[in-house]
PDB file of N, CA and C in Angstrom:
ATOM      1  N   MET A   1     -57.348  21.519  50.497  1.00  0.00           N
ATOM      2  CA  MET A   1     -58.028  22.931  51.024  1.00  0.00           C
ATOM      3  C   MET A   1     -58.898  21.754  52.093  1.00  0.00           C
ATOM      4  N   ASP A   2     -59.723  21.501  53.048  1.00  0.00           N
ATOM      5  CA  ASP A   2     -60.784  20.981  53.546  1.00  0.00           C
ATOM      6  C   ASP A   2     -61.673  21.353  53.451  1.00  0.00           C
ATOM      7  N   ILE A   3     -62.256  20.009  52.621  1.00  0.00           N
ATOM      8  CA  ILE A   3     -63.601  20.185  52.332  1.00  0.00           C
ATOM      9  C   ILE A   3     -65.051  19.548  53.224  1.00  0.00           C
ATOM     10  N   ASN A   4     -66.049  19.896  52.936  1.00  0.00           N
ATOM     11  CA  ASN A   4     -67.433  19.519  54.192  1.00  0.00           C
ATOM     12  C   ASN A   4     -67.351  18.140  53.947  1.00  0.00           C
ATOM     13  N   ALA A   5     -67.543  17.191  53.836  1.00  0.00           N
ATOM     14  CA  ALA A   5     -67.618  15.971  53.207  1.00  0.00           C
ATOM     15  C   ALA A   5     -69.153  15.608  53.009  1.00  0.00           C
ATOM     16  N   ALA A   6     -69.848  15.882  53.830  1.00  0.00           N
ATOM     17  CA  ALA A   6     -71.241  15.855  54.178  1.00  0.00           C
ATOM     18  C   ALA A   6     -71.871  16.578  53.189  1.00  0.00           C
ATOM     19  N   SER A   7     -71.441  18.413  52.961  1.00  0.00           N
ATOM     20  CA  SER A   7     -72.244  18.803  51.661  1.00  0.00           C
ATOM     21  C   SER A   7     -71.618  18.122  50.844  1.00  0.00           C
ATOM     22  N   VAL A   8     -70.492  17.789  50.558  1.00  0.00           N
ATOM     23  CA  VAL A   8     -70.268  17.641  48.798  1.00  0.00           C
ATOM     24  C   VAL A   8     -71.126  15.568  48.683  1.00  0.00           C
ATOM     25  N   LYS A   9     -71.465  15.053  49.947  1.00  0.00           N
ATOM     26  CA  LYS A   9     -72.418  13.692  49.576  1.00  0.00           C
ATOM     27  C   LYS A   9     -73.843  14.294  49.204  1.00  0.00           C
ATOM     28  N   GLN A  10     -74.228  14.910  49.999  1.00  0.00           N
ATOM     29  CA  GLN A  10     -75.842  15.835  50.093  1.00  0.00           C
ATOM     30  C   GLN A  10     -75.995  16.057  48.452  1.00  0.00           C
ATOM     31  N   LEU A  11     -75.029  17.156  48.489  1.00  0.00           N
ATOM     32  CA  LEU A  11     -75.467  17.687  47.296  1.00  0.00           C
ATOM     33  C   LEU A  11     -75.359  16.616  46.078  1.00  0.00           C
ATOM     34  N   ARG A  12     -74.349  15.726  45.917  1.00  0.00           N
ATOM     35  CA  ARG A  12     -74.658  14.144  45.095  1.00  0.00           C
ATOM     36  C   ARG A  12     -75.818  13.442  45.136  1.00  0.00           C
ATOM     37  N   GLN A  13     -76.087  13.435  46.169  1.00  0.00           N
ATOM     38  CA  GLN A  13     -77.207  12.388  46.544  1.00  0.00           C
ATOM     39  C   GLN A  13     -78.164  13.400  46.017  1.00  0.00           C
ATOM     40  N   GLN A  14     -78.608  14.299  46.252  1.00  0.00           N
ATOM     41  CA  GLN A  14     -79.789  14.989  45.949  1.00  0.00           C
ATOM     42  C   GLN A  14     -80.468  15.328  44.774  1.00  0.00           C
ATOM     43  N   ARG A  15     -79.007  14.876  43.509  1.00  0.00           N
ATOM     44  CA  ARG A  15     -78.648  15.134  42.106  1.00  0.00           C
ATOM     45  C   ARG A  15     -79.156  13.902  42.005  1.00  0.00           C
ATOM     46  N   GLY A  16     -79.229  12.863  42.860  1.00  0.00           N
ATOM     47  CA  GLY A  16     -79.383  11.318  42.193  1.00  0.00           C
ATOM     48  C   GLY A  16     -77.777  10.908  41.185  1.00  0.00           C
ATOM     49  N   TRP A  17     -76.952  11.423  41.270  1.00  0.00           N
ATOM     50  CA  TRP A  17     -75.470  10.779  40.688  1.00  0.00           C
ATOM     51  C   TRP A  17     -74.719  10.185  41.674  1.00  0.00           C
ATOM     52  N   THR A  18     -74.884   9.104  41.136  1.00  0.00           N
ATOM     53  CA  THR A  18     -73.051   8.419  41.596  1.00  0.00           C
ATOM     54  C   THR A  18     -72.303   9.197  41.906  1.00  0.00           C
ATOM     55  N   GLN A  19     -71.239   8.580  42.736  1.00  0.00           N
ATOM     56  CA  GLN A  19     -69.675   9.050  42.794  1.00  0.00           C
ATOM     57  C   GLN A  19     -69.216   9.672  41.325  1.00  0.00           C
ATOM     58  N   GLN A  20     -68.956   8.210  40.967  1.00  0.00           N
ATOM     59  CA  GLN A  20     -68.690   8.204  39.141  1.00  0.00           C
ATOM     60  C   GLN A  20     -69.219   9.098  38.062  1.00  0.00           C
ATOM     61  N   HIS A  21     -70.511   9.104  38.532  1.00  0.00           N
ATOM     62  CA  HIS A  21     -71.072  10.621  37.751  1.00  0.00           C
ATOM     63  C   HIS A  21     -70.096  11.547  37.886  1.00  0.00           C
ATOM     64  N   LEU A  22     -70.174  11.639  39.519  1.00  0.00           N
ATOM     65  CA  LEU A  22     -69.243  13.457  39.469  1.00  0.00           C
ATOM     66  C   LEU A  22     -68.247  13.373  39.422  1.00  0.00           C
ATOM     67  N   ALA A  23     -67.523  12.402  39.349  1.00  0.00           N
ATOM     68  CA  ALA A  23     -66.059  11.937  38.744  1.00  0.00           C
ATOM     69  C   ALA A  23     -65.782  12.399  37.662  1.00  0.00           C
ATOM     70  N   ASP A  24     -67.082  12.427  36.752  1.00  0.00           N
ATOM     71  CA  ASP A  24     -66.857  12.685  34.983  1.00  0.00           C
ATOM     72  C   ASP A  24     -67.355  13.707  34.869  1.00  0.00           C
ATOM     73  N   ALA A  25     -68.326  14.510  35.929  1.00  0.00           N
ATOM     74  CA  ALA A  25     -68.509  15.837  35.291  1.00  0.00           C
ATOM     75  C   ALA A  25     -67.582  16.950  36.168  1.00  0.00           C
ATOM     76  N   CYS A  26     -67.161  16.764  36.890  1.00  0.00           N
ATOM     77  CA  CYS A  26     -66.154  17.542  37.246  1.00  0.00           C
ATOM     78  C   CYS A  26     -64.215  16.938  36.384  1.00  0.00           C
ATOM     79  N   ASN A  27     -64.277  15.837  35.633  1.00  0.00           N
ATOM     80  CA  ASN A  27     -63.249  15.329  35.226  1.00  0.00           C
ATOM     81  C   ASN A  27     -61.735  15.067  36.167  1.00  0.00           C
ATOM     82  N   ILE A  28     -62.603  14.348  37.131  1.00  0.00           N
ATOM     83  CA  ILE A  28     -61.482  14.064  38.720  1.00  0.00           C
ATOM     84  C   ILE A  28     -61.477  12.394  38.390  1.00  0.00           C
ATOM     85  N   SER A  29     -61.028  12.052  39.479  1.00  0.00           N
ATOM     86  CA  SER A  29     -61.075  10.398  39.962  1.00  0.00           C
ATOM     87  C   SER A  29     -61.889  10.148  40.538  1.00  0.00           C
ATOM     88  N   ILE A  30     -62.656   8.658  40.493  1.00  0.00           N
ATOM     89  CA  ILE A  30     -64.243   8.605  41.225  1.00  0.00           C
ATOM     90  C   ILE A  30     -63.020   8.414  42.432  1.00  0.00           C
ATOM     91  N   ARG A  31     -61.759   7.920  42.696  1.00  0.00           N
ATOM     92  CA  ARG A  31     -61.181   7.849  44.268  1.00  0.00           C
ATOM     93  C   ARG A  31     -60.869   8.868  44.733  1.00  0.00           C
ATOM     94  N   THR A  32     -60.714  10.283  44.137  1.00  0.00           N
ATOM     95  CA  THR A  32     -60.626  11.869  44.633  1.00  0.00           C
ATOM     96  C   THR A  32     -62.303  12.311  44.973  1.00  0.00           C
ATOM     97  N   ILE A  33     -63.161  11.347  44.893  1.00  0.00           N
ATOM     98  CA  ILE A  33     -64.356  11.694  45.017  1.00  0.00           C
ATOM     99  C   ILE A  33     -64.637  10.861  46.232  1.00  0.00           C
ATOM    100  N   GLN A  34     -64.135   9.948  46.392  1.00  0.00           N
ATOM    101  CA  GLN A  34     -64.398   8.671  47.634  1.00  0.00           C
ATOM    102  C   GLN A  34     -63.754   9.320  49.162  1.00  0.00           C
ATOM    103  N   ARG A  35     -62.497   9.962  48.533  1.00  0.00           N
ATOM    104  CA  ARG A  35     -61.623  10.521  49.498  1.00  0.00           C
ATOM    105  C   ARG A  35     -62.139  11.890  50.064  1.00  0.00           C
ATOM    106  N   ILE A  36     -62.771  12.279  49.378  1.00  0.00           N
ATOM    107  CA  ILE A  36     -63.304  13.993  49.519  1.00  0.00           C
ATOM    108  C   ILE A  36     -64.597  13.383  50.933  1.00  0.00           C
ATOM    109  N   GLU A  37     -65.660  12.438  50.225  1.00  0.00           N
ATOM    110  CA  GLU A  37     -66.582  12.563  50.680  1.00  0.00           C
ATOM    111  C   GLU A  37     -66.358  11.635  52.479  1.00  0.00           C
ATOM    112  N   LYS A  38     -64.866  10.972  52.050  1.00  0.00           N
ATOM    113  CA  LYS A  38     -64.409  10.442  53.767  1.00  0.00           C
ATOM    114  C   LYS A  38     -64.047  11.558  54.766  1.00  0.00           C
ATOM    115  N   GLY A  39     -63.835  12.671  54.303  1.00  0.00           N
ATOM    116  CA  GLY A  39     -63.577  13.717  54.929  1.00  0.00           C
ATOM    117  C   GLY A  39     -62.392  14.122  54.881  1.00  0.00           C
ATOM    118  N   GLY A  40     -61.725  13.645  53.689  1.00  0.00           N
ATOM    119  CA  GLY A  40     -60.369  14.206  53.260  1.00  0.00           C
ATOM    120  C   GLY A  40     -60.482  15.430  52.634  1.00  0.00           C
ATOM    121  N   SER A  41     -59.214  15.902  52.018  1.00  0.00           N
ATOM    122  CA  SER A  41     -59.141  17.292  51.599  1.00  0.00           C
ATOM    123  C   SER A  41     -58.977  17.149  49.898  1.00  0.00           C
ATOM    124  N   ALA A  42     -58.816  18.443  49.467  1.00  0.00           N
ATOM    125  CA  ALA A  42     -58.652  18.307  47.524  1.00  0.00           C
ATOM    126  C   ALA A  42     -58.217  19.620  48.000  1.00  0.00           C
ATOM    127  N   SER A  43     -57.501  19.430  46.188  1.00  0.00           N
ATOM    128  CA  SER A  43     -57.155  20.776  45.888  1.00  0.00           C
ATOM    129  C   SER A  43     -57.689  21.831  45.550  1.00  0.00           C
ATOM    130  N   ASN A  44     -57.144  22.997  45.316  1.00  0.00           N
ATOM    131  CA  ASN A  44     -58.373  24.246  45.245  1.00  0.00           C
ATOM    132  C   ASN A  44     -58.740  23.855  43.529  1.00  0.00           C
ATOM    133  N   ASP A  45     -58.071  23.737  42.851  1.00  0.00           N
ATOM    134  CA  ASP A  45     -58.898  22.885  41.434  1.00  0.00           C
ATOM    135  C   ASP A  45     -60.189  21.847  41.764  1.00  0.00           C
ATOM    136  N   THR A  46     -59.693  21.007  42.049  1.00  0.00           N
ATOM    137  CA  THR A  46     -60.744  20.529  42.828  1.00  0.00           C
ATOM    138  C   THR A  46     -62.252  20.919  43.155  1.00  0.00           C
ATOM    139  N   LEU A  47     -61.710  21.592  44.610  1.00  0.00           N
ATOM    140  CA  LEU A  47     -62.921  22.835  44.843  1.00  0.00           C
ATOM    141  C   LEU A  47     -63.764  23.510  43.442  1.00  0.00           C
ATOM    142  N   GLN A  48     -63.089  24.036  42.796  1.00  0.00           N
ATOM    143  CA  GLN A  48     -63.430  24.407  42.155  1.00  0.00           C
ATOM    144  C   GLN A  48     -64.182  24.090  41.180  1.00  0.00           C
ATOM    145  N   GLY A  49     -63.798  23.220  40.708  1.00  0.00           N
ATOM    146  CA  GLY A  49     -64.826  21.778  39.800  1.00  0.00           C
ATOM    147  C   GLY A  49     -65.962  21.222  40.781  1.00  0.00           C
ATOM    148  N   LEU A  50     -65.533  20.973  41.995  1.00  0.00           N
ATOM    149  CA  LEU A  50     -66.926  20.301  42.549  1.00  0.00           C
ATOM    150  C   LEU A  50     -68.268  22.057  42.449  1.00  0.00           C
ATOM    151  N   CYS A  51     -67.399  23.192  42.841  1.00  0.00           N
ATOM    152  CA  CYS A  51     -68.688  24.234  43.200  1.00  0.00           C
ATOM    153  C   CYS A  51     -69.035  24.557  41.649  1.00  0.00           C
ATOM    154  N   ALA A  52     -68.244  24.244  40.496  1.00  0.00           N
ATOM    155  CA  ALA A  52     -68.542  24.543  39.141  1.00  0.00           C
ATOM    156  C   ALA A  52     -69.928  23.746  38.982  1.00  0.00           C
ATOM    157  N   VAL A  53     -69.728  22.288  38.970  1.00  0.00           N
ATOM    158  CA  VAL A  53     -70.589  21.024  38.835  1.00  0.00           C
ATOM    159  C   VAL A  53     -72.025  21.348  39.701  1.00  0.00           C
ATOM    160  N   PHE A  54     -72.098  22.046  41.011  1.00  0.00           N
ATOM    161  CA  PHE A  54     -72.780  22.022  41.912  1.00  0.00           C
ATOM    162  C   PHE A  54     -73.550  23.334  41.487  1.00  0.00           C
ATOM    163  N   GLU A  55     -73.001  24.174  41.240  1.00  0.00           N
ATOM    164  CA  GLU A  55     -73.400  25.635  40.664  1.00  0.00           C
ATOM    165  C   GLU A  55     -73.390  26.704  42.172  1.00  0.00           C
ATOM    166  N   VAL A  56     -72.694  26.095  43.005  1.00  0.00           N
ATOM    167  CA  VAL A  56     -72.587  26.877  44.546  1.00  0.00           C
ATOM    168  C   VAL A  56     -71.222  27.408  44.650  1.00  0.00           C
ATOM    169  N   GLU A  57     -71.152  28.806  45.723  1.00  0.00           N
ATOM    170  CA  GLU A  57     -69.930  29.288  46.196  1.00  0.00           C
ATOM    171  C   GLU A  57     -69.033  28.313  46.835  1.00  0.00           C
ATOM    172  N   GLN A  58     -67.512  28.802  47.061  1.00  0.00           N
ATOM    173  CA  GLN A  58     -67.064  27.468  47.539  1.00  0.00           C
ATOM    174  C   GLN A  58     -67.043  27.476  49.484  1.00  0.00           C
ATOM    175  N   GLN A  59     -67.555  28.880  49.523  1.00  0.00           N
ATOM    176  CA  GLN A  59     -68.171  28.562  51.211  1.00  0.00           C
ATOM    177  C   GLN A  59     -68.661  27.654  51.602  1.00  0.00           C
ATOM    178  N   VAL A  60     -69.848  27.298  50.592  1.00  0.00           N
ATOM    179  CA  VAL A  60     -70.850  26.204  51.047  1.00  0.00           C
ATOM    180  C   VAL A  60     -69.885  24.462  51.022  1.00  0.00           C
ATOM    181  N   LEU A  61     -68.833  24.541  50.250  1.00  0.00           N
ATOM    182  CA  LEU A  61     -68.289  23.212  50.270  1.00  0.00           C
ATOM    183  C   LEU A  61     -67.014  23.228  51.143  1.00  0.00           C
ATOM    184  N   ARG A  62     -66.494  24.188  51.782  1.00  0.00           N
ATOM    185  CA  ARG A  62     -65.569  24.643  52.774  1.00  0.00           C
ATOM    186  C   ARG A  62     -65.774  23.741  54.056  1.00  0.00           C
ATOM    187  N   ARG A  63     -64.889  23.177  54.343  1.00  0.00           N
ATOM    188  CA  ARG A  63     -65.214  22.859  55.714  1.00  0.00           C
ATOM    189  C   ARG A  63     -64.866  23.748  56.708  1.00  0.00           C
ATOM    190  N   VAL A  64     -65.661  24.135  57.708  1.00  0.00           N
ATOM    191  CA  VAL A  64     -65.496  25.356  58.782  1.00  0.00           C
ATOM    192  C   VAL A  64     -65.521  24.618  59.946  1.00  0.00           C
ATOM    193  N   PRO A  65     -63.933  25.154  60.927  1.00  0.00           N
ATOM    194  CA  PRO A  65     -63.837  23.970  62.133  1.00  0.00           C
ATOM    195  C   PRO A  65     -64.558  24.871  62.924  1.00  0.00           C
ATOM    196  N   HIS A  66     -65.027  23.858  63.870  1.00  0.00           N
ATOM    197  CA  HIS A  66     -65.670  24.515  65.358  1.00  0.00           C
ATOM    198  C   HIS A  66     -64.878  25.217  66.247  1.00  0.00           C
ATOM    199  N   PRO A  67     -65.396  26.324  67.141  1.00  0.00           N
ATOM    200  CA  PRO A  67     -64.720  27.274  67.270  1.00  0.00           C
ATOM    201  C   PRO A  67     -63.688  26.796  68.464  1.00  0.00           C
ATOM    202  N   GLU A  68     -64.289  25.878  69.006  1.00  0.00           N
ATOM    203  CA  GLU A  68     -62.960  24.869  69.714  1.00  0.00           C
ATOM    204  C   GLU A  68     -61.732  24.481  69.146  1.00  0.00           C
ATOM    205  N   GLN A  69     -61.524  24.280  68.048  1.00  0.00           N
ATOM    206  CA  GLN A  69     -60.737  24.314  67.410  1.00  0.00           C
ATOM    207  C   GLN A  69     -59.601  25.332  67.444  1.00  0.00           C
ATOM    208  N   HIS A  70     -60.316  26.459  66.941  1.00  0.00           N
ATOM    209  CA  HIS A  70     -59.656  27.920  67.059  1.00  0.00           C
ATOM    210  C   HIS A  70     -58.780  28.541  68.209  1.00  0.00           C
ATOM    211  N   GLN A  71     -59.228  27.357  69.599  1.00  0.00           N
ATOM    212  CA  GLN A  71     -58.301  27.811  70.851  1.00  0.00           C
ATOM    213  C   GLN A  71     -57.450  27.483  70.986  1.00  0.00           C
ATOM    214  N   LEU A  72     -56.091  28.140  70.949  1.00  0.00           N
ATOM    215  CA  LEU A  72     -55.008  28.068  71.383  1.00  0.00           C
ATOM    216  C   LEU A  72     -54.224  26.483  72.276  1.00  0.00           C
ATOM    217  N   THR A  73     -53.585  25.912  71.891  1.00  0.00           N
ATOM    218  CA  THR A  73     -53.740  24.595  72.443  1.00  0.00           C
ATOM    219  C   THR A  73     -51.878  24.886  73.257  1.00  0.00           C
ATOM    220  N   THR A  74     -51.175  26.052  73.415  1.00  0.00           N
ATOM    221  CA  THR A  74     -50.433  26.705  74.512  1.00  0.00           C
ATOM    222  C   THR A  74     -51.050  26.274  76.014  1.00  0.00           C
ATOM    223  N   VAL A  75     -50.384  26.756  76.775  1.00  0.00           N
ATOM    224  CA  VAL A  75     -51.173  26.987  78.112  1.00  0.00           C
ATOM    225  C   VAL A  75     -50.118  28.489  78.712  1.00  0.00           C
ATOM    226  N   SER A  76     -51.305  29.051  79.063  1.00  0.00           N
ATOM    227  CA  SER A  76     -50.659  30.597  79.192  1.00  0.00           C
ATOM    228  C   SER A  76     -50.139  30.449  80.374  1.00  0.00           C
ATOM    229  N   VAL A  77     -49.180  31.199  80.495  1.00  0.00           N
ATOM    230  CA  VAL A  77     -48.367  31.294  81.970  1.00  0.00           C
ATOM    231  C   VAL A  77     -49.752  31.565  83.098  1.00  0.00           C
ATOM    232  N   TYR A  78     -50.743  32.292  82.866  1.00  0.00           N
ATOM    233  CA  TYR A  78     -51.538  33.153  83.648  1.00  0.00           C
ATOM    234  C   TYR A  78     -52.038  31.944  84.304  1.00  0.00           C
ATOM    235  N   GLN A  79     -52.328  30.670  83.292  1.00  0.00           N
ATOM    236  CA  GLN A  79     -53.197  30.216  83.483  1.00  0.00           C
ATOM    237  C   GLN A  79     -52.758  28.975  84.563  1.00  0.00           C
ATOM    238  N   GLN A  80     -51.827  28.907  84.889  1.00  0.00           N
ATOM    239  CA  GLN A  80     -51.491  27.812  85.757  1.00  0.00           C
ATOM    240  C   GLN A  80     -50.184  28.914  86.803  1.00  0.00           C
ATOM    241  N   PRO A  81     -50.936  28.870  88.090  1.00  0.00           N
ATOM    242  CA  PRO A  81     -49.920  29.623  89.139  1.00  0.00           C
ATOM    243  C   PRO A  81     -48.360  28.998  88.966  1.00  0.00           C
ATOM    244  N   GLY A  82     -48.145  28.125  88.592  1.00  0.00           N
ATOM    245  CA  GLY A  82     -47.169  27.180  89.402  1.00  0.00           C
ATOM    246  C   GLY A  82     -46.203  27.495  88.002  1.00  0.00           C
ATOM    247  N   LEU A  83     -46.734  27.694  87.421  1.00  0.00           N
ATOM    248  CA  LEU A  83     -45.818  28.030  86.082  1.00  0.00           C
ATOM    249  C   LEU A  83     -45.312  29.817  86.309  1.00  0.00           C
ATOM    250  N   LEU A  84     -46.318  30.270  86.245  1.00  0.00           N
ATOM    251  CA  LEU A  84     -46.056  31.892  86.829  1.00  0.00           C
ATOM    252  C   LEU A  84     -45.329  32.153  88.551  1.00  0.00           C
ATOM    253  N   ILE A  85     -45.039  31.028  88.913  1.00  0.00           N
ATOM    254  CA  ILE A  85     -44.268  31.385  90.351  1.00  0.00           C
ATOM    255  C   ILE A  85     -42.047  31.091  89.422  1.00  0.00           C
ATOM    256  N   LEU A  86     -42.789  29.936  88.807  1.00  0.00           N
ATOM    257  CA  LEU A  86     -41.113  29.267  88.513  1.00  0.00           C
ATOM    258  C   LEU A  86     -40.603  30.731  87.535  1.00  0.00           C
ATOM    259  N   ALA A  87     -41.386  30.965  86.486  1.00  0.00           N
ATOM    260  CA  ALA A  87     -41.080  32.338  85.894  1.00  0.00           C
ATOM    261  C   ALA A  87     -41.131  33.002  86.661  1.00  0.00           C
ATOM    262  N   ALA A  88     -41.746  33.501  87.262  1.00  0.00           N
ATOM    263  CA  ALA A  88     -40.492  34.677  88.529  1.00  0.00           C
ATOM    264  C   ALA A  88     -39.672  34.472  89.293  1.00  0.00           C
ATOM    265  N   GLY A  89     -39.349  33.383  89.275  1.00  0.00           N
ATOM    266  CA  GLY A  89     -38.371  32.616  90.380  1.00  0.00           C
ATOM    267  C   GLY A  89     -37.251  32.767  89.318  1.00  0.00           C
ATOM    268  N   ILE A  90     -36.854  32.256  87.921  1.00  0.00           N
ATOM    269  CA  ILE A  90     -35.839  32.373  87.105  1.00  0.00           C
ATOM    270  C   ILE A  90     -35.909  33.737  86.928  1.00  0.00           C
ATOM    271  N   GLY A  91     -36.660  34.439  86.859  1.00  0.00           N
ATOM    272  CA  GLY A  91     -36.366  36.280  85.939  1.00  0.00           C
ATOM    273  C   GLY A  91     -35.930  36.526  87.557  1.00  0.00           C
ATOM    274  N   ALA A  92     -36.272  36.283  88.753  1.00  0.00           N
ATOM    275  CA  ALA A  92     -35.440  36.984  89.889  1.00  0.00           C
ATOM    276  C   ALA A  92     -33.843  36.523  89.493  1.00  0.00           C
ATOM    277  N   PHE A  93     -33.876  35.183  89.558  1.00  0.00           N
ATOM    278  CA  PHE A  93     -32.341  34.666  90.002  1.00  0.00           C
ATOM    279  C   PHE A  93     -31.530  35.314  88.682  1.00  0.00           C
ATOM    280  N   ILE A  94     -32.033  35.158  87.645  1.00  0.00           N
ATOM    281  CA  ILE A  94     -31.066  35.691  86.226  1.00  0.00           C
ATOM    282  C   ILE A  94     -30.519  37.462  86.922  1.00  0.00           C
ATOM    283  N   GLY A  95     -31.866  38.410  87.127  1.00  0.00           N
ATOM    284  CA  GLY A  95     -31.664  39.084  87.557  1.00  0.00           C
ATOM    285  C   GLY A  95     -30.654  39.723  88.691  1.00  0.00           C
ATOM    286  N   ALA A  96     -30.663  38.783  89.871  1.00  0.00           N
ATOM    287  CA  ALA A  96     -29.376  38.990  90.686  1.00  0.00           C
ATOM    288  C   ALA A  96     -28.554  39.028  90.389  1.00  0.00           C
ATOM    289  N   ALA A  97     -27.909  37.388  89.378  1.00  0.00           N
ATOM    290  CA  ALA A  97     -26.834  37.000  88.815  1.00  0.00           C
ATOM    291  C   ALA A  97     -26.359  38.291  88.012  1.00  0.00           C
ATOM    292  N   ILE A  98     -27.103  39.371  87.527  1.00  0.00           N
ATOM    293  CA  ILE A  98     -26.258  40.183  86.647  1.00  0.00           C
ATOM    294  C   ILE A  98     -26.341  41.233  87.969  1.00  0.00           C
ATOM    295  N   MET A  99     -27.168  41.745  88.631  1.00  0.00           N
ATOM    296  CA  MET A  99     -26.680  42.856  89.454  1.00  0.00           C
ATOM    297  C   MET A  99     -25.140  42.220  89.835  1.00  0.00           C
ATOM    298  N   TYR A 100     -25.650  40.525  90.691  1.00  0.00           N
ATOM    299  CA  TYR A 100     -23.603  40.750  91.009  1.00  0.00           C
ATOM    300  C   TYR A 100     -22.667  40.755  90.229  1.00  0.00           C
ATOM    301  N   LEU A 101     -22.469  40.233  89.191  1.00  0.00           N
ATOM    302  CA  LEU A 101     -21.601  40.105  88.211  1.00  0.00           C
ATOM    303  C   LEU A 101     -21.617  41.918  87.805  1.00  0.00           C
ATOM    304  N   PHE A 102     -22.352  42.760  87.383  1.00  0.00           N
ATOM    305  CA  PHE A 102     -21.770  43.900  86.873  1.00  0.00           C
ATOM    306  C   PHE A 102     -21.453  45.066  88.070  1.00  0.00           C
ATOM    307  N   LEU A 103     -21.659  44.304  89.529  1.00  0.00           N
ATOM    308  CA  LEU A 103     -21.680  45.618  90.793  1.00  0.00           C
ATOM    309  C   LEU A 103     -20.772  45.236  91.282  1.00  0.00           C
ATOM    310  N   ARG A 104     -19.779  44.458  91.235  1.00  0.00           N
ATOM    311  CA  ARG A 104     -19.078  43.637  92.066  1.00  0.00           C
ATOM    312  C   ARG A 104     -18.015  44.559  91.732  1.00  0.00           C
TER     313      ARG A 104
END
């Protein structure tokens, strides 16, 4: 699960805790805390542990993707006139071939 690294680090520093202190409080390794604060991901159990220790809801610690990350990466045929022409040409060829084969 993607964790908001900045939120975890900020909450930890606001309390004056070291990474080791947070790891001990959550009963996880310091390496896991280091990975989370560098922008990594964590298991759902780790997220729940962090939320319990910080006394926050999961939404506070989850990373929210930017809107531009939600955009489809595929190219629409309608956005590329060349692709639209190619698709129409292929469709016309297939249609003509089928008509020729069945109407002979």
